[in-house]
Amino acid sequence: MNYFLSKYSFVLTSESIGTMEDFSSVADEKEYFNVQKMIDMPFDFQEFDPNKALSIVKARGYKYKGSELDICKFTYAWHYKDAYYKVGILD
């Protein structure tokens, strides 16, 4: 996993970081950055595949367009953990 952070958020990703040095190349056998130490709350990590969610809505007729980002004109929403999100943002 690779981590990117700012003062407002952090991102955990298994995607390639290109030519940047990763942790294992600069620190042998040390503990990698522990995100849970950054904030005071328990984590319930869950993997999510955005491509799978997008394939489901595309099969139902979704096509990316600017109105899908509009606060009042969007048609498709995605339900996840007791909240709804615009599919256009996910796309």
PDB file of N, CA and C in Angstrom:
ATOM      1  N   MET A   1       0.840  -1.185   0.000  1.00  0.00           N
ATOM      2  CA  MET A   1       0.000   0.000   0.000  1.00  0.00           C
ATOM      3  C   MET A   1       0.885   1.248   0.000  1.00  0.00           C
ATOM      4  N   ASN A   2       0.384   2.295  -0.615  1.00  0.00           N
ATOM      5  CA  ASN A   2       1.045   3.590  -0.607  1.00  0.00           C
ATOM      6  C   ASN A   2       0.097   4.607   0.017  1.00  0.00           C
ATOM      7  N   TYR A   3       0.638   5.559   0.740  1.00  0.00           N
ATOM      8  CA  TYR A   3      -0.148   6.586   1.414  1.00  0.00           C
ATOM      9  C   TYR A   3       0.249   7.960   0.898  1.00  0.00           C
ATOM     10  N   PHE A   4      -0.741   8.804   0.696  1.00  0.00           N
ATOM     11  CA  PHE A   4      -0.524  10.204   0.379  1.00  0.00           C
ATOM     12  C   PHE A   4      -1.357  10.991   1.363  1.00  0.00           C
ATOM     13  N   LEU A   5      -0.803  12.044   1.935  1.00  0.00           N
ATOM     14  CA  LEU A   5      -1.595  12.785   2.894  1.00  0.00           C
ATOM     15  C   LEU A   5      -1.385  14.279   2.795  1.00  0.00           C
ATOM     16  N   SER A   6      -2.405  14.994   3.263  1.00  0.00           N
ATOM     17  CA  SER A   6      -2.352  16.438   3.408  1.00  0.00           C
ATOM     18  C   SER A   6      -2.918  16.750   4.781  1.00  0.00           C
ATOM     19  N   LYS A   7      -3.055  18.014   5.106  1.00  0.00           N
ATOM     20  CA  LYS A   7      -3.596  18.327   6.422  1.00  0.00           C
ATOM     21  C   LYS A   7      -5.090  18.039   6.518  1.00  0.00           C
ATOM     22  N   TYR A   8      -5.764  17.750   5.400  1.00  0.00           N
ATOM     23  CA  TYR A   8      -7.202  17.488   5.402  1.00  0.00           C
ATOM     24  C   TYR A   8      -7.581  16.039   5.152  1.00  0.00           C
ATOM     25  N   SER A   9      -6.742  15.272   4.511  1.00  0.00           N
ATOM     26  CA  SER A   9      -7.125  13.916   4.135  1.00  0.00           C
ATOM     27  C   SER A   9      -5.905  13.038   3.914  1.00  0.00           C
ATOM     28  N   PHE A  10      -6.179  11.739   3.791  1.00  0.00           N
ATOM     29  CA  PHE A  10      -5.138  10.813   3.389  1.00  0.00           C
ATOM     30  C   PHE A  10      -5.748   9.786   2.453  1.00  0.00           C
ATOM     31  N   VAL A  11      -4.914   9.244   1.592  1.00  0.00           N
ATOM     32  CA  VAL A  11      -5.347   8.275   0.590  1.00  0.00           C
ATOM     33  C   VAL A  11      -4.489   7.036   0.732  1.00  0.00           C
ATOM     34  N   LEU A  12      -5.127   5.892   0.765  1.00  0.00           N
ATOM     35  CA  LEU A  12      -4.428   4.610   0.757  1.00  0.00           C
ATOM     36  C   LEU A  12      -4.686   3.977  -0.600  1.00  0.00           C
ATOM     37  N   THR A  13      -3.639   3.571  -1.284  1.00  0.00           N
ATOM     38  CA  THR A  13      -3.825   2.992  -2.605  1.00  0.00           C
ATOM     39  C   THR A  13      -2.825   1.864  -2.844  1.00  0.00           C
ATOM     40  N   SER A  14      -3.244   0.906  -3.625  1.00  0.00           N
ATOM     41  CA  SER A  14      -2.328  -0.165  -4.023  1.00  0.00           C
ATOM     42  C   SER A  14      -1.820   0.080  -5.444  1.00  0.00           C
ATOM     43  N   GLU A  15      -2.202   1.228  -6.027  1.00  0.00           N
ATOM     44  CA  GLU A  15      -1.759   1.563  -7.381  1.00  0.00           C
ATOM     45  C   GLU A  15      -0.281   1.926  -7.392  1.00  0.00           C
ATOM     46  N   SER A  16       0.323   1.822  -8.550  1.00  0.00           N
ATOM     47  CA  SER A  16       1.733   2.155  -8.721  1.00  0.00           C
ATOM     48  C   SER A  16       1.965   3.637  -8.437  1.00  0.00           C
ATOM     49  N   ILE A  17       3.116   3.954  -7.868  1.00  0.00           N
ATOM     50  CA  ILE A  17       3.471   5.353  -7.637  1.00  0.00           C
ATOM     51  C   ILE A  17       4.529   5.813  -8.637  1.00  0.00           C
ATOM     52  N   GLY A  18       4.693   5.059  -9.692  1.00  0.00           N
ATOM     53  CA  GLY A  18       5.605   5.443 -10.772  1.00  0.00           C
ATOM     54  C   GLY A  18       7.059   5.380 -10.361  1.00  0.00           C
ATOM     55  N   THR A  19       7.782   6.454 -10.619  1.00  0.00           N
ATOM     56  CA  THR A  19       9.219   6.474 -10.362  1.00  0.00           C
ATOM     57  C   THR A  19       9.572   6.978  -8.961  1.00  0.00           C
ATOM     58  N   MET A  20       8.588   7.327  -8.160  1.00  0.00           N
ATOM     59  CA  MET A  20       8.861   7.780  -6.792  1.00  0.00           C
ATOM     60  C   MET A  20       9.391   6.610  -5.963  1.00  0.00           C
ATOM     61  N   GLU A  21      10.275   6.913  -5.025  1.00  0.00           N
ATOM     62  CA  GLU A  21      10.772   5.862  -4.137  1.00  0.00           C
ATOM     63  C   GLU A  21       9.658   5.450  -3.182  1.00  0.00           C
ATOM     64  N   ASP A  22       9.499   4.152  -2.984  1.00  0.00           N
ATOM     65  CA  ASP A  22       8.519   3.701  -2.001  1.00  0.00           C
ATOM     66  C   ASP A  22       9.240   3.405  -0.684  1.00  0.00           C
ATOM     67  N   PHE A  23       8.449   3.160   0.339  1.00  0.00           N
ATOM     68  CA  PHE A  23       8.988   2.978   1.685  1.00  0.00           C
ATOM     69  C   PHE A  23       9.970   1.816   1.756  1.00  0.00           C
ATOM     70  N   SER A  24       9.641   0.712   1.110  1.00  0.00           N
ATOM     71  CA  SER A  24      10.495  -0.472   1.206  1.00  0.00           C
ATOM     72  C   SER A  24      11.864  -0.255   0.563  1.00  0.00           C
ATOM     73  N   SER A  25      11.962   0.698  -0.359  1.00  0.00           N
ATOM     74  CA  SER A  25      13.257   0.940  -1.000  1.00  0.00           C
ATOM     75  C   SER A  25      14.161   1.841  -0.168  1.00  0.00           C
ATOM     76  N   VAL A  26      13.629   2.522   0.845  1.00  0.00           N
ATOM     77  CA  VAL A  26      14.449   3.421   1.661  1.00  0.00           C
ATOM     78  C   VAL A  26      14.570   2.997   3.122  1.00  0.00           C
ATOM     79  N   ALA A  27      13.723   2.082   3.588  1.00  0.00           N
ATOM     80  CA  ALA A  27      13.765   1.679   5.001  1.00  0.00           C
ATOM     81  C   ALA A  27      13.539   0.180   5.118  1.00  0.00           C
ATOM     82  N   ASP A  28      14.609  -0.564   5.199  1.00  0.00           N
ATOM     83  CA  ASP A  28      14.497  -2.022   5.309  1.00  0.00           C
ATOM     84  C   ASP A  28      14.003  -2.435   6.691  1.00  0.00           C
ATOM     85  N   GLU A  29      13.019  -3.317   6.712  1.00  0.00           N
ATOM     86  CA  GLU A  29      12.506  -3.960   7.922  1.00  0.00           C
ATOM     87  C   GLU A  29      12.001  -3.010   9.005  1.00  0.00           C
ATOM     88  N   LYS A  30      11.539  -1.841   8.647  1.00  0.00           N
ATOM     89  CA  LYS A  30      10.925  -0.936   9.616  1.00  0.00           C
ATOM     90  C   LYS A  30       9.422  -0.944   9.393  1.00  0.00           C
ATOM     91  N   GLU A  31       8.679  -0.575  10.441  1.00  0.00           N
ATOM     92  CA  GLU A  31       7.220  -0.529  10.325  1.00  0.00           C
ATOM     93  C   GLU A  31       6.821   0.598   9.378  1.00  0.00           C
ATOM     94  N   TYR A  32       5.936   0.269   8.456  1.00  0.00           N
ATOM     95  CA  TYR A  32       5.436   1.277   7.526  1.00  0.00           C
ATOM     96  C   TYR A  32       4.522   2.240   8.264  1.00  0.00           C
ATOM     97  N   PHE A  33       4.294   3.370   7.705  1.00  0.00           N
ATOM     98  CA  PHE A  33       3.453   4.407   8.299  1.00  0.00           C
ATOM     99  C   PHE A  33       2.119   3.838   8.789  1.00  0.00           C
ATOM    100  N   ASN A  34       1.756   4.118  10.019  1.00  0.00           N
ATOM    101  CA  ASN A  34       0.525   3.604  10.621  1.00  0.00           C
ATOM    102  C   ASN A  34      -0.529   4.715  10.649  1.00  0.00           C
ATOM    103  N   VAL A  35      -1.501   4.639   9.752  1.00  0.00           N
ATOM    104  CA  VAL A  35      -2.530   5.670   9.624  1.00  0.00           C
ATOM    105  C   VAL A  35      -3.367   5.781  10.888  1.00  0.00           C
ATOM    106  N   GLN A  36      -3.601   4.686  11.568  1.00  0.00           N
ATOM    107  CA  GLN A  36      -4.451   4.710  12.755  1.00  0.00           C
ATOM    108  C   GLN A  36      -3.866   5.591  13.854  1.00  0.00           C
ATOM    109  N   LYS A  37      -2.585   5.816  13.850  1.00  0.00           N
ATOM    110  CA  LYS A  37      -1.977   6.701  14.836  1.00  0.00           C
ATOM    111  C   LYS A  37      -2.269   8.170  14.539  1.00  0.00           C
ATOM    112  N   MET A  38      -2.704   8.469  13.315  1.00  0.00           N
ATOM    113  CA  MET A  38      -2.958   9.857  12.915  1.00  0.00           C
ATOM    114  C   MET A  38      -4.265  10.409  13.469  1.00  0.00           C
ATOM    115  N   ILE A  39      -5.257   9.563  13.616  1.00  0.00           N
ATOM    116  CA  ILE A  39      -6.555  10.034  14.077  1.00  0.00           C
ATOM    117  C   ILE A  39      -7.040   9.165  15.226  1.00  0.00           C
ATOM    118  N   ASP A  40      -7.916   9.719  16.018  1.00  0.00           N
ATOM    119  CA  ASP A  40      -8.372   9.037  17.225  1.00  0.00           C
ATOM    120  C   ASP A  40      -9.751   8.420  17.002  1.00  0.00           C
ATOM    121  N   MET A  41      -9.813   7.375  16.181  1.00  0.00           N
ATOM    122  CA  MET A  41     -11.061   6.656  15.966  1.00  0.00           C
ATOM    123  C   MET A  41     -10.755   5.278  15.402  1.00  0.00           C
ATOM    124  N   PRO A  42     -11.582   4.296  15.708  1.00  0.00           N
ATOM    125  CA  PRO A  42     -11.342   2.953  15.163  1.00  0.00           C
ATOM    126  C   PRO A  42     -11.671   2.904  13.670  1.00  0.00           C
ATOM    127  N   PHE A  43     -10.921   2.116  12.956  1.00  0.00           N
ATOM    128  CA  PHE A  43     -11.148   1.966  11.519  1.00  0.00           C
ATOM    129  C   PHE A  43     -11.896   0.683  11.210  1.00  0.00           C
ATOM    130  N   ASP A  44     -12.753   0.757  10.239  1.00  0.00           N
ATOM    131  CA  ASP A  44     -13.417  -0.415   9.692  1.00  0.00           C
ATOM    132  C   ASP A  44     -13.133  -0.392   8.199  1.00  0.00           C
ATOM    133  N   PHE A  45     -11.950  -0.890   7.813  1.00  0.00           N
ATOM    134  CA  PHE A  45     -11.552  -0.857   6.415  1.00  0.00           C
ATOM    135  C   PHE A  45     -12.392  -1.821   5.594  1.00  0.00           C
ATOM    136  N   GLN A  46     -12.743  -1.377   4.420  1.00  0.00           N
ATOM    137  CA  GLN A  46     -13.510  -2.205   3.503  1.00  0.00           C
ATOM    138  C   GLN A  46     -13.026  -1.885   2.097  1.00  0.00           C
ATOM    139  N   GLU A  47     -12.698  -2.914   1.339  1.00  0.00           N
ATOM    140  CA  GLU A  47     -12.269  -2.693  -0.035  1.00  0.00           C
ATOM    141  C   GLU A  47     -13.479  -2.377  -0.894  1.00  0.00           C
ATOM    142  N   PHE A  48     -13.274  -1.492  -1.851  1.00  0.00           N
ATOM    143  CA  PHE A  48     -14.340  -1.080  -2.745  1.00  0.00           C
ATOM    144  C   PHE A  48     -13.778  -1.011  -4.159  1.00  0.00           C
ATOM    145  N   ASP A  49     -14.482  -1.590  -5.105  1.00  0.00           N
ATOM    146  CA  ASP A  49     -14.063  -1.570  -6.502  1.00  0.00           C
ATOM    147  C   ASP A  49     -14.949  -0.595  -7.264  1.00  0.00           C
ATOM    148  N   PRO A  50     -14.486   0.627  -7.533  1.00  0.00           N
ATOM    149  CA  PRO A  50     -15.324   1.605  -8.228  1.00  0.00           C
ATOM    150  C   PRO A  50     -15.686   1.165  -9.642  1.00  0.00           C
ATOM    151  N   ASN A  51     -14.831   0.384 -10.289  1.00  0.00           N
ATOM    152  CA  ASN A  51     -15.133  -0.086 -11.646  1.00  0.00           C
ATOM    153  C   ASN A  51     -16.342  -1.016 -11.658  1.00  0.00           C
ATOM    154  N   LYS A  52     -16.486  -1.822 -10.624  1.00  0.00           N
ATOM    155  CA  LYS A  52     -17.644  -2.710 -10.534  1.00  0.00           C
ATOM    156  C   LYS A  52     -18.927  -1.895 -10.362  1.00  0.00           C
ATOM    157  N   ALA A  53     -18.888  -0.892  -9.482  1.00  0.00           N
ATOM    158  CA  ALA A  53     -20.059  -0.038  -9.272  1.00  0.00           C
ATOM    159  C   ALA A  53     -20.421   0.705 -10.550  1.00  0.00           C
ATOM    160  N   LEU A  54     -19.429   1.218 -11.256  1.00  0.00           N
ATOM    161  CA  LEU A  54     -19.699   1.938 -12.503  1.00  0.00           C
ATOM    162  C   LEU A  54     -20.246   1.011 -13.583  1.00  0.00           C
ATOM    163  N   SER A  55     -19.783  -0.222 -13.637  1.00  0.00           N
ATOM    164  CA  SER A  55     -20.300  -1.146 -14.652  1.00  0.00           C
ATOM    165  C   SER A  55     -21.775  -1.462 -14.404  1.00  0.00           C
ATOM    166  N   ILE A  56     -22.181  -1.496 -13.136  1.00  0.00           N
ATOM    167  CA  ILE A  56     -23.583  -1.758 -12.804  1.00  0.00           C
ATOM    168  C   ILE A  56     -24.463  -0.604 -13.280  1.00  0.00           C
ATOM    169  N   VAL A  57     -24.066   0.640 -12.978  1.00  0.00           N
ATOM    170  CA  VAL A  57     -24.906   1.774 -13.381  1.00  0.00           C
ATOM    171  C   VAL A  57     -24.867   2.001 -14.889  1.00  0.00           C
ATOM    172  N   LYS A  58     -23.740   1.698 -15.523  1.00  0.00           N
ATOM    173  CA  LYS A  58     -23.668   1.830 -16.982  1.00  0.00           C
ATOM    174  C   LYS A  58     -24.589   0.823 -17.668  1.00  0.00           C
ATOM    175  N   ALA A  59     -24.731  -0.363 -17.071  1.00  0.00           N
ATOM    176  CA  ALA A  59     -25.655  -1.358 -17.615  1.00  0.00           C
ATOM    177  C   ALA A  59     -27.104  -0.889 -17.479  1.00  0.00           C
ATOM    178  N   ARG A  60     -27.350   0.032 -16.545  1.00  0.00           N
ATOM    179  CA  ARG A  60     -28.696   0.578 -16.337  1.00  0.00           C
ATOM    180  C   ARG A  60     -28.919   1.873 -17.103  1.00  0.00           C
ATOM    181  N   GLY A  61     -27.971   2.252 -17.968  1.00  0.00           N
ATOM    182  CA  GLY A  61     -28.168   3.405 -18.830  1.00  0.00           C
ATOM    183  C   GLY A  61     -27.374   4.649 -18.480  1.00  0.00           C
ATOM    184  N   TYR A  62     -26.563   4.623 -17.448  1.00  0.00           N
ATOM    185  CA  TYR A  62     -25.779   5.798 -17.061  1.00  0.00           C
ATOM    186  C   TYR A  62     -24.728   6.119 -18.104  1.00  0.00           C
ATOM    187  N   LYS A  63     -24.608   7.401 -18.425  1.00  0.00           N
ATOM    188  CA  LYS A  63     -23.527   7.910 -19.270  1.00  0.00           C
ATOM    189  C   LYS A  63     -23.020   9.182 -18.629  1.00  0.00           C
ATOM    190  N   TYR A  64     -21.718   9.343 -18.587  1.00  0.00           N
ATOM    191  CA  TYR A  64     -21.142  10.522 -17.956  1.00  0.00           C
ATOM    192  C   TYR A  64     -21.494  11.777 -18.746  1.00  0.00           C
ATOM    193  N   LYS A  65     -21.993  12.784 -18.050  1.00  0.00           N
ATOM    194  CA  LYS A  65     -22.249  14.099 -18.634  1.00  0.00           C
ATOM    195  C   LYS A  65     -22.236  15.118 -17.503  1.00  0.00           C
ATOM    196  N   GLY A  66     -22.070  16.363 -17.846  1.00  0.00           N
ATOM    197  CA  GLY A  66     -21.939  17.421 -16.857  1.00  0.00           C
ATOM    198  C   GLY A  66     -23.103  17.521 -15.895  1.00  0.00           C
ATOM    199  N   SER A  67     -24.308  17.231 -16.364  1.00  0.00           N
ATOM    200  CA  SER A  67     -25.481  17.350 -15.489  1.00  0.00           C
ATOM    201  C   SER A  67     -25.446  16.330 -14.350  1.00  0.00           C
ATOM    202  N   GLU A  68     -24.679  15.241 -14.504  1.00  0.00           N
ATOM    203  CA  GLU A  68     -24.573  14.250 -13.427  1.00  0.00           C
ATOM    204  C   GLU A  68     -23.781  14.787 -12.238  1.00  0.00           C
ATOM    205  N   LEU A  69     -23.113  15.916 -12.411  1.00  0.00           N
ATOM    206  CA  LEU A  69     -22.397  16.554 -11.315  1.00  0.00           C
ATOM    207  C   LEU A  69     -23.199  17.698 -10.696  1.00  0.00           C
ATOM    208  N   ASP A  70     -24.253  18.111 -11.383  1.00  0.00           N
ATOM    209  CA  ASP A  70     -25.078  19.223 -10.901  1.00  0.00           C
ATOM    210  C   ASP A  70     -25.865  18.817  -9.666  1.00  0.00           C
ATOM    211  N   ILE A  71     -25.992  19.727  -8.732  1.00  0.00           N
ATOM    212  CA  ILE A  71     -26.657  19.421  -7.461  1.00  0.00           C
ATOM    213  C   ILE A  71     -28.144  19.103  -7.638  1.00  0.00           C
ATOM    214  N   CYS A  72     -28.767  19.640  -8.684  1.00  0.00           N
ATOM    215  CA  CYS A  72     -30.211  19.431  -8.870  1.00  0.00           C
ATOM    216  C   CYS A  72     -30.568  18.593 -10.088  1.00  0.00           C
ATOM    217  N   LYS A  73     -29.667  18.448 -11.038  1.00  0.00           N
ATOM    218  CA  LYS A  73     -30.016  17.813 -12.312  1.00  0.00           C
ATOM    219  C   LYS A  73     -29.505  16.388 -12.487  1.00  0.00           C
ATOM    220  N   PHE A  74     -28.831  15.835 -11.485  1.00  0.00           N
ATOM    221  CA  PHE A  74     -28.288  14.488 -11.666  1.00  0.00           C
ATOM    222  C   PHE A  74     -29.412  13.451 -11.642  1.00  0.00           C
ATOM    223  N   THR A  75     -29.188  12.312 -12.291  1.00  0.00           N
ATOM    224  CA  THR A  75     -30.181  11.248 -12.389  1.00  0.00           C
ATOM    225  C   THR A  75     -29.777  10.019 -11.587  1.00  0.00           C
ATOM    226  N   TYR A  76     -28.497   9.723 -11.550  1.00  0.00           N
ATOM    227  CA  TYR A  76     -28.024   8.485 -10.942  1.00  0.00           C
ATOM    228  C   TYR A  76     -27.315   8.756  -9.610  1.00  0.00           C
ATOM    229  N   ALA A  77     -27.714   8.005  -8.594  1.00  0.00           N
ATOM    230  CA  ALA A  77     -27.083   8.095  -7.280  1.00  0.00           C
ATOM    231  C   ALA A  77     -26.622   6.705  -6.864  1.00  0.00           C
ATOM    232  N   TRP A  78     -25.660   6.664  -5.991  1.00  0.00           N
ATOM    233  CA  TRP A  78     -25.054   5.437  -5.525  1.00  0.00           C
ATOM    234  C   TRP A  78     -25.219   5.386  -4.009  1.00  0.00           C
ATOM    235  N   HIS A  79     -25.761   4.295  -3.500  1.00  0.00           N
ATOM    236  CA  HIS A  79     -25.996   4.135  -2.065  1.00  0.00           C
ATOM    237  C   HIS A  79     -24.841   3.346  -1.461  1.00  0.00           C
ATOM    238  N   TYR A  80     -24.220   3.929  -0.442  1.00  0.00           N
ATOM    239  CA  TYR A  80     -23.077   3.279   0.203  1.00  0.00           C
ATOM    240  C   TYR A  80     -23.054   3.680   1.671  1.00  0.00           C
ATOM    241  N   LYS A  81     -23.114   2.685   2.554  1.00  0.00           N
ATOM    242  CA  LYS A  81     -23.041   2.902   4.004  1.00  0.00           C
ATOM    243  C   LYS A  81     -23.987   4.004   4.483  1.00  0.00           C
ATOM    244  N   ASP A  82     -25.258   3.837   4.243  1.00  0.00           N
ATOM    245  CA  ASP A  82     -26.298   4.743   4.730  1.00  0.00           C
ATOM    246  C   ASP A  82     -26.213   6.166   4.187  1.00  0.00           C
ATOM    247  N   ALA A  83     -25.607   6.354   3.024  1.00  0.00           N
ATOM    248  CA  ALA A  83     -25.558   7.672   2.403  1.00  0.00           C
ATOM    249  C   ALA A  83     -25.678   7.498   0.890  1.00  0.00           C
ATOM    250  N   TYR A  84     -26.076   8.569   0.213  1.00  0.00           N
ATOM    251  CA  TYR A  84     -26.198   8.562  -1.241  1.00  0.00           C
ATOM    252  C   TYR A  84     -25.185   9.533  -1.832  1.00  0.00           C
ATOM    253  N   TYR A  85     -24.591   9.120  -2.946  1.00  0.00           N
ATOM    254  CA  TYR A  85     -23.584   9.915  -3.627  1.00  0.00           C
ATOM    255  C   TYR A  85     -23.922   9.961  -5.112  1.00  0.00           C
ATOM    256  N   LYS A  86     -23.549  11.057  -5.765  1.00  0.00           N
ATOM    257  CA  LYS A  86     -23.769  11.167  -7.210  1.00  0.00           C
ATOM    258  C   LYS A  86     -22.787  10.257  -7.927  1.00  0.00           C
ATOM    259  N   VAL A  87     -23.271   9.472  -8.868  1.00  0.00           N
ATOM    260  CA  VAL A  87     -22.422   8.563  -9.623  1.00  0.00           C
ATOM    261  C   VAL A  87     -21.418   9.358 -10.466  1.00  0.00           C
ATOM    262  N   GLY A  88     -21.808  10.543 -10.928  1.00  0.00           N
ATOM    263  CA  GLY A  88     -20.906  11.371 -11.717  1.00  0.00           C
ATOM    264  C   GLY A  88     -19.627  11.709 -10.977  1.00  0.00           C
ATOM    265  N   ILE A  89     -19.687  11.867  -9.662  1.00  0.00           N
ATOM    266  CA  ILE A  89     -18.490  12.140  -8.873  1.00  0.00           C
ATOM    267  C   ILE A  89     -17.607  10.900  -8.807  1.00  0.00           C
ATOM    268  N   LEU A  90     -18.227   9.741  -8.678  1.00  0.00           N
ATOM    269  CA  LEU A  90     -17.474   8.494  -8.656  1.00  0.00           C
ATOM    270  C   LEU A  90     -16.771   8.264  -9.999  1.00  0.00           C
ATOM    271  N   ASP A  91     -17.474   8.606 -11.078  1.00  0.00           N
ATOM    272  CA  ASP A  91     -16.938   8.426 -12.421  1.00  0.00           C
ATOM    273  C   ASP A  91     -15.818   9.419 -12.657  1.00  0.00           C
TER     274      ASP A  91
END
